[in-house]
Structures are given as structure tokens and as C-alpha cells.
Amino acid sequence: MTQANLAATICRKSGYTKGIRPPVSVTGPEKRANASSYGYTGRLGDAEYDHLISLELGGDPNDARNLWVEPPDPGHKPGSGVNSRKDPVESKLHSAVCSGKVTLRAAQQAIVTDWTTALSRLVLG
């Protein structure tokens, strides 16, 4: 993924991430193995098998270095499914990249460094 091919990839209107997202039959076993490797003991149904650099920001869908079990947010009600405050941040960064407000590299770097401050660091939130 590069700045030069954004229009043909993550910024195209035809659903880029759906075409590259691995199926649950692949990610399910990976999620269990990843959780075990980190010693995560919470409910897997409440955790998201997440990409450090999201697919909508050009993250690799299959690279183990880009995948982790993201625990539920503080205050999350156990058993109510996944909830993640990181997802809206990813969407806002995606919009900013596709509208030319920030570069792809800047958005990726901001989310890798600390997703909780990514928007303010890039003056987007």
C-alpha cells in the first residue's frame, strides 16, 4: 500500500476491506492461539481479533505482527459482544487519508504509536 495507489485500494468505493479480510474459519483459530500466546483469559467473544494497522489504513490482513487480541474497553458489559473505541478512530483516519488531509504514512504511524491520541496528534479530533 502506498500513497500513490490509494484510489485503487483503500479509498475505492467498492469495499476494499471485504475483498482482503480473511474468513472467520481462518481468524477464529488464529485468535484463540494469539490469545493463548499473550496469556489472555477473558471471554474471546468480548475481545476483537484486531489489526494494529487496520485494513482500511492499508494494514496487512494476514501478518501476525499486525494482529492481536484487543480486550474489551473498560466498562464493557461481559457477554455483550465486541466493543472497541478504536474502530471510530480507524474510520476517521481513513477518511482523512482519502480526503488528502493526512498522508497514509502519517495515519499509520499515529495509530501504531498510540491509537488513543492518533486523532489529536494529527489535529483531526
C-alpha atoms as a PDB file:
ATOM      1  CA  MET A   1       0.000   0.000   0.000  1.00  0.00           C
ATOM      2  CA  THR A   2       1.393   3.363  -0.996  1.00  0.00           C
ATOM      3  CA  GLN A   3       0.217   6.950  -1.209  1.00  0.00           C
ATOM      4  CA  ALA A   4       0.232   6.560  -4.995  1.00  0.00           C
ATOM      5  CA  ASN A   5      -2.279   3.686  -5.120  1.00  0.00           C
ATOM      6  CA  LEU A   6      -4.849   4.887  -2.577  1.00  0.00           C
ATOM      7  CA  ALA A   7      -7.603   5.480  -5.138  1.00  0.00           C
ATOM      8  CA  ALA A   8      -7.323   1.907  -6.403  1.00  0.00           C
ATOM      9  CA  THR A   9      -7.108   0.350  -2.955  1.00  0.00           C
ATOM     10  CA  ILE A  10      -8.289   1.630   0.427  1.00  0.00           C
ATOM     11  CA  CYS A  11     -10.079   4.713  -0.949  1.00  0.00           C
ATOM     12  CA  ARG A  12     -12.056   2.983  -3.671  1.00  0.00           C
ATOM     13  CA  LYS A  13     -15.804   2.892  -3.201  1.00  0.00           C
ATOM     14  CA  SER A  14     -16.268  -0.835  -3.838  1.00  0.00           C
ATOM     15  CA  GLY A  15     -15.418  -2.242  -0.422  1.00  0.00           C
ATOM     16  CA  TYR A  16     -11.691  -2.862  -0.380  1.00  0.00           C
ATOM     17  CA  THR A  17     -11.537  -4.477   3.061  1.00  0.00           C
ATOM     18  CA  LYS A  18     -14.243  -7.054   2.324  1.00  0.00           C
ATOM     19  CA  GLY A  19     -12.119  -8.381  -0.510  1.00  0.00           C
ATOM     20  CA  ILE A  20      -8.995  -8.895   1.599  1.00  0.00           C
ATOM     21  CA  ARG A  21     -10.371  -9.752   5.053  1.00  0.00           C
ATOM     22  CA  PRO A  22      -9.642 -13.378   5.972  1.00  0.00           C
ATOM     23  CA  PRO A  23     -12.704 -15.528   6.792  1.00  0.00           C
ATOM     24  CA  VAL A  24     -13.607 -16.430  10.393  1.00  0.00           C
ATOM     25  CA  SER A  25     -12.600 -20.015   9.626  1.00  0.00           C
ATOM     26  CA  VAL A  26      -9.031 -18.668   9.455  1.00  0.00           C
ATOM     27  CA  THR A  27      -9.168 -15.898  12.041  1.00  0.00           C
ATOM     28  CA  GLY A  28     -11.034 -17.899  14.703  1.00  0.00           C
ATOM     29  CA  PRO A  29      -8.212 -20.390  15.328  1.00  0.00           C
ATOM     30  CA  GLU A  30      -5.649 -17.590  14.984  1.00  0.00           C
ATOM     31  CA  LYS A  31      -7.499 -15.522  17.606  1.00  0.00           C
ATOM     32  CA  ARG A  32      -7.508 -18.419  20.075  1.00  0.00           C
ATOM     33  CA  ALA A  33      -3.792 -19.097  19.517  1.00  0.00           C
ATOM     34  CA  ASN A  34      -2.918 -15.392  19.771  1.00  0.00           C
ATOM     35  CA  ALA A  35      -4.906 -15.003  22.999  1.00  0.00           C
ATOM     36  CA  SER A  36      -3.171 -18.022  24.474  1.00  0.00           C
ATOM     37  CA  SER A  37       0.286 -16.757  23.493  1.00  0.00           C
ATOM     38  CA  TYR A  38      -0.360 -13.495  25.370  1.00  0.00           C
ATOM     39  CA  GLY A  39      -1.984 -15.183  28.350  1.00  0.00           C
ATOM     40  CA  TYR A  40      -5.348 -13.511  27.636  1.00  0.00           C
ATOM     41  CA  THR A  41      -8.001 -15.249  29.729  1.00  0.00           C
ATOM     42  CA  GLY A  42     -11.037 -13.042  29.123  1.00  0.00           C
ATOM     43  CA  ARG A  43     -14.059 -14.034  27.057  1.00  0.00           C
ATOM     44  CA  LEU A  44     -12.992 -14.234  23.419  1.00  0.00           C
ATOM     45  CA  GLY A  45     -16.492 -13.202  22.370  1.00  0.00           C
ATOM     46  CA  ASP A  46     -15.878  -9.841  24.049  1.00  0.00           C
ATOM     47  CA  ALA A  47     -12.427  -9.343  22.504  1.00  0.00           C
ATOM     48  CA  GLU A  48     -11.678  -8.319  18.950  1.00  0.00           C
ATOM     49  CA  TYR A  49      -9.003 -10.005  16.842  1.00  0.00           C
ATOM     50  CA  ASP A  50      -7.757  -6.702  15.565  1.00  0.00           C
ATOM     51  CA  HIS A  51      -5.221  -5.296  13.146  1.00  0.00           C
ATOM     52  CA  LEU A  52      -2.699  -2.901  14.673  1.00  0.00           C
ATOM     53  CA  ILE A  53      -2.806  -1.012  11.368  1.00  0.00           C
ATOM     54  CA  SER A  54      -6.390  -1.500  10.243  1.00  0.00           C
ATOM     55  CA  LEU A  55      -7.233  -2.853   6.815  1.00  0.00           C
ATOM     56  CA  GLU A  56      -8.820   0.488   5.953  1.00  0.00           C
ATOM     57  CA  LEU A  57      -5.400   2.074   6.551  1.00  0.00           C
ATOM     58  CA  GLY A  58      -3.566  -0.467   4.405  1.00  0.00           C
ATOM     59  CA  GLY A  59      -2.625  -2.913   7.150  1.00  0.00           C
ATOM     60  CA  ASP A  60      -1.629  -6.445   6.215  1.00  0.00           C
ATOM     61  CA  PRO A  61      -4.625  -8.758   6.706  1.00  0.00           C
ATOM     62  CA  ASN A  62      -2.546 -11.861   7.479  1.00  0.00           C
ATOM     63  CA  ASP A  63       0.731 -10.763   9.060  1.00  0.00           C
ATOM     64  CA  ALA A  64       0.894 -11.997  12.656  1.00  0.00           C
ATOM     65  CA  ARG A  65       2.879  -8.881  13.583  1.00  0.00           C
ATOM     66  CA  ASN A  66      -0.186  -6.818  12.624  1.00  0.00           C
ATOM     67  CA  LEU A  67      -2.737  -8.885  14.573  1.00  0.00           C
ATOM     68  CA  TRP A  68      -3.568  -9.003  18.260  1.00  0.00           C
ATOM     69  CA  VAL A  69      -6.429  -9.818  20.595  1.00  0.00           C
ATOM     70  CA  GLU A  70      -7.801  -6.456  21.675  1.00  0.00           C
ATOM     71  CA  PRO A  71      -9.530  -6.731  25.057  1.00  0.00           C
ATOM     72  CA  PRO A  72     -12.895  -5.049  25.526  1.00  0.00           C
ATOM     73  CA  ASP A  73     -12.967  -1.402  26.532  1.00  0.00           C
ATOM     74  CA  PRO A  74     -13.171  -0.508  30.232  1.00  0.00           C
ATOM     75  CA  GLY A  75     -16.752  -0.608  31.432  1.00  0.00           C
ATOM     76  CA  HIS A  76     -17.761  -3.118  28.761  1.00  0.00           C
ATOM     77  CA  LYS A  77     -20.545  -5.449  29.904  1.00  0.00           C
ATOM     78  CA  PRO A  78     -19.258  -9.054  29.689  1.00  0.00           C
ATOM     79  CA  GLY A  79     -21.201 -11.186  27.260  1.00  0.00           C
ATOM     80  CA  SER A  80     -22.451  -8.246  25.183  1.00  0.00           C
ATOM     81  CA  GLY A  81     -20.050  -8.848  22.298  1.00  0.00           C
ATOM     82  CA  VAL A  82     -17.150  -6.864  20.975  1.00  0.00           C
ATOM     83  CA  ASN A  83     -16.966  -3.147  21.531  1.00  0.00           C
ATOM     84  CA  SER A  84     -13.989  -1.073  20.600  1.00  0.00           C
ATOM     85  CA  ARG A  85     -13.401   2.636  20.825  1.00  0.00           C
ATOM     86  CA  LYS A  86     -10.504   2.119  18.401  1.00  0.00           C
ATOM     87  CA  ASP A  87     -12.826   1.459  15.433  1.00  0.00           C
ATOM     88  CA  PRO A  88     -14.130   5.051  15.046  1.00  0.00           C
ATOM     89  CA  VAL A  89     -10.535   6.312  15.229  1.00  0.00           C
ATOM     90  CA  GLU A  90      -9.623   3.997  12.344  1.00  0.00           C
ATOM     91  CA  SER A  91     -12.585   5.274  10.323  1.00  0.00           C
ATOM     92  CA  LYS A  92     -11.715   8.930  10.915  1.00  0.00           C
ATOM     93  CA  LEU A  93      -8.099   8.304   9.924  1.00  0.00           C
ATOM     94  CA  HIS A  94      -9.279   6.501   6.786  1.00  0.00           C
ATOM     95  CA  SER A  95     -11.469   9.454   5.834  1.00  0.00           C
ATOM     96  CA  ALA A  96      -8.616  11.885   6.471  1.00  0.00           C
ATOM     97  CA  VAL A  97      -6.243   9.851   4.292  1.00  0.00           C
ATOM     98  CA  CYS A  98      -8.749   9.520   1.454  1.00  0.00           C
ATOM     99  CA  SER A  99      -9.614  13.230   1.552  1.00  0.00           C
ATOM    100  CA  GLY A 100      -5.940  14.201   1.496  1.00  0.00           C
ATOM    101  CA  LYS A 101      -5.896  15.773   4.967  1.00  0.00           C
ATOM    102  CA  VAL A 102      -3.087  13.467   6.111  1.00  0.00           C
ATOM    103  CA  THR A 103      -0.734  11.060   4.385  1.00  0.00           C
ATOM    104  CA  LEU A 104      -1.141   7.320   4.657  1.00  0.00           C
ATOM    105  CA  ARG A 105       2.227   7.056   6.404  1.00  0.00           C
ATOM    106  CA  ALA A 106       1.292   9.701   8.995  1.00  0.00           C
ATOM    107  CA  ALA A 107      -2.004   7.944   9.770  1.00  0.00           C
ATOM    108  CA  GLN A 108      -0.329   4.546  10.067  1.00  0.00           C
ATOM    109  CA  GLN A 109       2.403   5.937  12.317  1.00  0.00           C
ATOM    110  CA  ALA A 110      -0.110   7.712  14.543  1.00  0.00           C
ATOM    111  CA  ILE A 111      -2.244   4.622  15.092  1.00  0.00           C
ATOM    112  CA  VAL A 112       0.773   2.386  15.731  1.00  0.00           C
ATOM    113  CA  THR A 113       2.262   4.825  18.235  1.00  0.00           C
ATOM    114  CA  ASP A 114      -0.912   5.261  20.312  1.00  0.00           C
ATOM    115  CA  TRP A 115      -4.380   4.952  18.816  1.00  0.00           C
ATOM    116  CA  THR A 116      -5.884   6.859  21.754  1.00  0.00           C
ATOM    117  CA  THR A 117      -4.001  10.025  20.754  1.00  0.00           C
ATOM    118  CA  ALA A 118      -3.806   9.492  16.988  1.00  0.00           C
ATOM    119  CA  LEU A 119      -6.543  11.980  16.079  1.00  0.00           C
ATOM    120  CA  SER A 120      -5.268  14.747  18.319  1.00  0.00           C
ATOM    121  CA  ARG A 121      -1.677  14.183  17.197  1.00  0.00           C
ATOM    122  CA  LEU A 122      -2.772  14.697  13.595  1.00  0.00           C
ATOM    123  CA  VAL A 123      -5.106  17.563  14.575  1.00  0.00           C
ATOM    124  CA  LEU A 124      -8.187  15.654  13.435  1.00  0.00           C
ATOM    125  CA  GLY A 125     -10.127  15.265  16.647  1.00  0.00           C
END
